[in-house]
Amino acid sequence: MRTYIFTDRERKIIQGFHNRKIGMTNRDLSKIRSRIKLFSRLKSDIFLYLEFFDAVMLAQMTNSPGKITK
């Protein structure tokens, strides 16, 4: 498992987009967007990670060992 998805530079670009300081036509942002579109497995892994993270947090909050179902 990798410890990051985006480089520090890419994070700054994405944060700039979220803060409305960088527009959709920004060249660097376009590169990041195209990479996300191309790598469907990356997208599914991100969603899987988020589901796993939520399940672990829920299990820790409820102190209930075992399988968590949706």
N, C-alpha and C. Protein backbone atom coordinates (compact mmCIF):
# COMPACT_ATOMS: atom_id res chain seq x y z
N MET A 1 0.84 -1.18 0.00
CA MET A 1 0.00 0.00 0.00
C MET A 1 0.89 1.24 0.00
N ARG A 2 0.55 2.17 -0.84
CA ARG A 2 1.27 3.45 -0.89
C ARG A 2 0.82 4.33 0.27
N THR A 3 1.64 5.28 0.63
CA THR A 3 1.28 6.17 1.73
C THR A 3 0.69 7.49 1.24
N TYR A 4 0.63 7.68 -0.06
CA TYR A 4 0.02 8.90 -0.60
C TYR A 4 -0.47 8.65 -2.02
N ILE A 5 -1.38 9.49 -2.46
CA ILE A 5 -1.88 9.42 -3.83
C ILE A 5 -1.33 10.59 -4.64
N PHE A 6 -1.34 11.76 -4.03
CA PHE A 6 -0.89 12.97 -4.72
C PHE A 6 0.44 13.45 -4.15
N THR A 7 1.25 14.05 -4.99
CA THR A 7 2.48 14.67 -4.52
C THR A 7 2.12 15.97 -3.78
N ASP A 8 3.09 16.54 -3.08
CA ASP A 8 2.84 17.81 -2.40
C ASP A 8 2.41 18.88 -3.39
N ARG A 9 3.03 18.91 -4.54
CA ARG A 9 2.69 19.90 -5.57
C ARG A 9 1.25 19.70 -6.05
N GLU A 10 0.89 18.45 -6.28
CA GLU A 10 -0.48 18.16 -6.74
C GLU A 10 -1.50 18.53 -5.67
N ARG A 11 -1.18 18.29 -4.40
CA ARG A 11 -2.09 18.67 -3.32
C ARG A 11 -2.34 20.17 -3.32
N LYS A 12 -1.28 20.95 -3.53
CA LYS A 12 -1.43 22.41 -3.57
C LYS A 12 -2.33 22.82 -4.73
N ILE A 13 -2.18 22.18 -5.85
CA ILE A 13 -3.02 22.48 -7.01
C ILE A 13 -4.48 22.14 -6.71
N ILE A 14 -4.72 20.98 -6.14
CA ILE A 14 -6.08 20.55 -5.83
C ILE A 14 -6.69 21.46 -4.77
N GLN A 15 -5.91 21.82 -3.76
CA GLN A 15 -6.41 22.74 -2.74
C GLN A 15 -6.72 24.11 -3.35
N GLY A 16 -5.90 24.55 -4.28
CA GLY A 16 -6.17 25.79 -4.98
C GLY A 16 -7.47 25.73 -5.76
N PHE A 17 -7.75 24.59 -6.35
CA PHE A 17 -9.02 24.40 -7.05
C PHE A 17 -10.18 24.45 -6.07
N HIS A 18 -10.05 23.77 -4.93
CA HIS A 18 -11.12 23.78 -3.92
C HIS A 18 -11.35 25.19 -3.37
N ASN A 19 -10.29 25.96 -3.26
CA ASN A 19 -10.39 27.33 -2.75
C ASN A 19 -10.76 28.33 -3.84
N ARG A 20 -11.02 27.81 -5.04
CA ARG A 20 -11.41 28.63 -6.20
C ARG A 20 -10.31 29.60 -6.63
N LYS A 21 -9.07 29.23 -6.36
CA LYS A 21 -7.93 30.04 -6.81
C LYS A 21 -7.38 29.52 -8.14
N ILE A 22 -7.74 28.27 -8.46
CA ILE A 22 -7.32 27.63 -9.71
C ILE A 22 -8.57 27.17 -10.43
N GLY A 23 -8.67 27.48 -11.71
CA GLY A 23 -9.84 27.11 -12.50
C GLY A 23 -9.68 25.76 -13.18
N MET A 24 -10.79 25.27 -13.72
CA MET A 24 -10.80 23.98 -14.40
C MET A 24 -9.88 23.94 -15.62
N THR A 25 -9.57 25.10 -16.18
CA THR A 25 -8.72 25.13 -17.38
C THR A 25 -7.23 25.15 -17.05
N ASN A 26 -6.88 25.16 -15.78
CA ASN A 26 -5.48 25.15 -15.39
C ASN A 26 -4.81 23.88 -15.93
N ARG A 27 -3.67 24.07 -16.58
CA ARG A 27 -2.98 22.95 -17.24
C ARG A 27 -2.59 21.83 -16.26
N ASP A 28 -2.04 22.21 -15.11
CA ASP A 28 -1.62 21.21 -14.13
C ASP A 28 -2.82 20.45 -13.55
N LEU A 29 -3.90 21.17 -13.31
CA LEU A 29 -5.11 20.52 -12.81
C LEU A 29 -5.66 19.56 -13.86
N SER A 30 -5.60 19.95 -15.12
CA SER A 30 -6.07 19.08 -16.20
C SER A 30 -5.29 17.77 -16.24
N LYS A 31 -4.00 17.83 -15.98
CA LYS A 31 -3.19 16.60 -15.95
C LYS A 31 -3.66 15.66 -14.84
N ILE A 32 -3.95 16.23 -13.68
CA ILE A 32 -4.42 15.41 -12.55
C ILE A 32 -5.79 14.83 -12.88
N ARG A 33 -6.67 15.64 -13.43
CA ARG A 33 -8.02 15.18 -13.79
C ARG A 33 -7.95 14.06 -14.82
N SER A 34 -7.10 14.20 -15.82
CA SER A 34 -7.02 13.15 -16.85
C SER A 34 -6.46 11.86 -16.27
N ARG A 35 -5.54 11.96 -15.35
CA ARG A 35 -4.98 10.76 -14.72
C ARG A 35 -6.05 10.02 -13.93
N ILE A 36 -6.89 10.77 -13.24
CA ILE A 36 -7.97 10.14 -12.47
C ILE A 36 -8.96 9.47 -13.40
N LYS A 37 -9.27 10.09 -14.53
CA LYS A 37 -10.20 9.50 -15.49
C LYS A 37 -9.63 8.22 -16.09
N LEU A 38 -8.33 8.21 -16.36
CA LEU A 38 -7.71 7.08 -17.03
C LEU A 38 -7.53 5.86 -16.13
N PHE A 39 -7.30 6.09 -14.85
CA PHE A 39 -6.99 4.99 -13.95
C PHE A 39 -8.20 4.61 -13.11
N SER A 40 -9.10 3.83 -13.71
CA SER A 40 -10.33 3.45 -13.03
C SER A 40 -10.05 2.61 -11.78
N ARG A 41 -8.98 1.84 -11.82
CA ARG A 41 -8.64 1.02 -10.65
C ARG A 41 -8.24 1.90 -9.47
N LEU A 42 -7.57 3.00 -9.77
CA LEU A 42 -7.23 3.96 -8.72
C LEU A 42 -8.49 4.49 -8.06
N LYS A 43 -9.46 4.85 -8.87
CA LYS A 43 -10.73 5.36 -8.35
C LYS A 43 -11.40 4.32 -7.45
N SER A 44 -11.47 3.08 -7.90
CA SER A 44 -12.12 2.04 -7.08
C SER A 44 -11.33 1.78 -5.80
N ASP A 45 -10.00 1.84 -5.88
CA ASP A 45 -9.18 1.67 -4.67
C ASP A 45 -9.41 2.79 -3.67
N ILE A 46 -9.60 4.01 -4.17
CA ILE A 46 -9.86 5.14 -3.27
C ILE A 46 -11.17 4.92 -2.53
N PHE A 47 -12.22 4.52 -3.27
CA PHE A 47 -13.50 4.27 -2.63
C PHE A 47 -13.42 3.09 -1.66
N LEU A 48 -12.69 2.06 -2.03
CA LEU A 48 -12.50 0.91 -1.14
C LEU A 48 -11.79 1.33 0.13
N TYR A 49 -10.75 2.14 -0.01
CA TYR A 49 -10.02 2.64 1.16
C TYR A 49 -10.96 3.43 2.08
N LEU A 50 -11.77 4.32 1.50
CA LEU A 50 -12.68 5.13 2.31
C LEU A 50 -13.72 4.27 3.03
N GLU A 51 -14.24 3.25 2.35
CA GLU A 51 -15.19 2.33 2.99
C GLU A 51 -14.51 1.57 4.13
N PHE A 52 -13.29 1.11 3.89
CA PHE A 52 -12.54 0.40 4.92
C PHE A 52 -12.26 1.31 6.11
N PHE A 53 -11.82 2.53 5.84
CA PHE A 53 -11.54 3.49 6.90
C PHE A 53 -12.79 3.73 7.74
N ASP A 54 -13.93 3.96 7.09
CA ASP A 54 -15.18 4.18 7.81
C ASP A 54 -15.55 2.97 8.67
N ALA A 55 -15.39 1.77 8.13
CA ALA A 55 -15.72 0.56 8.88
C ALA A 55 -14.83 0.40 10.10
N VAL A 56 -13.54 0.68 9.95
CA VAL A 56 -12.62 0.59 11.07
C VAL A 56 -12.97 1.62 12.14
N MET A 57 -13.26 2.85 11.72
CA MET A 57 -13.63 3.89 12.69
C MET A 57 -14.92 3.54 13.42
N LEU A 58 -15.89 3.01 12.69
CA LEU A 58 -17.15 2.60 13.31
C LEU A 58 -16.92 1.47 14.31
N ALA A 59 -16.10 0.50 13.94
CA ALA A 59 -15.81 -0.62 14.84
C ALA A 59 -15.11 -0.13 16.10
N GLN A 60 -14.21 0.82 15.95
CA GLN A 60 -13.51 1.35 17.12
C GLN A 60 -14.46 2.14 18.01
N MET A 61 -15.38 2.88 17.41
CA MET A 61 -16.33 3.68 18.18
C MET A 61 -17.30 2.80 18.95
N THR A 62 -17.71 1.70 18.36
CA THR A 62 -18.71 0.84 19.00
C THR A 62 -18.07 -0.29 19.79
N ASN A 63 -16.75 -0.42 19.69
CA ASN A 63 -16.01 -1.49 20.38
C ASN A 63 -16.60 -2.86 20.08
N SER A 64 -17.08 -3.03 18.87
CA SER A 64 -17.66 -4.33 18.51
C SER A 64 -16.76 -5.06 17.54
N PRO A 65 -16.04 -6.07 18.03
CA PRO A 65 -15.19 -6.83 17.12
C PRO A 65 -16.03 -7.65 16.16
N GLY A 66 -15.45 -8.02 15.09
CA GLY A 66 -16.14 -8.87 14.14
C GLY A 66 -16.51 -8.12 12.88
N LYS A 67 -17.33 -8.79 12.11
CA LYS A 67 -17.67 -8.29 10.78
C LYS A 67 -18.71 -7.17 10.86
N ILE A 68 -18.46 -6.12 10.11
CA ILE A 68 -19.41 -5.01 10.00
C ILE A 68 -20.10 -5.14 8.66
N THR A 69 -21.42 -5.12 8.67
CA THR A 69 -22.16 -5.22 7.42
C THR A 69 -22.79 -3.88 7.11
N LYS A 70 -23.03 -3.71 5.80
CA LYS A 70 -23.69 -2.46 5.37
C LYS A 70 -25.17 -2.54 5.55
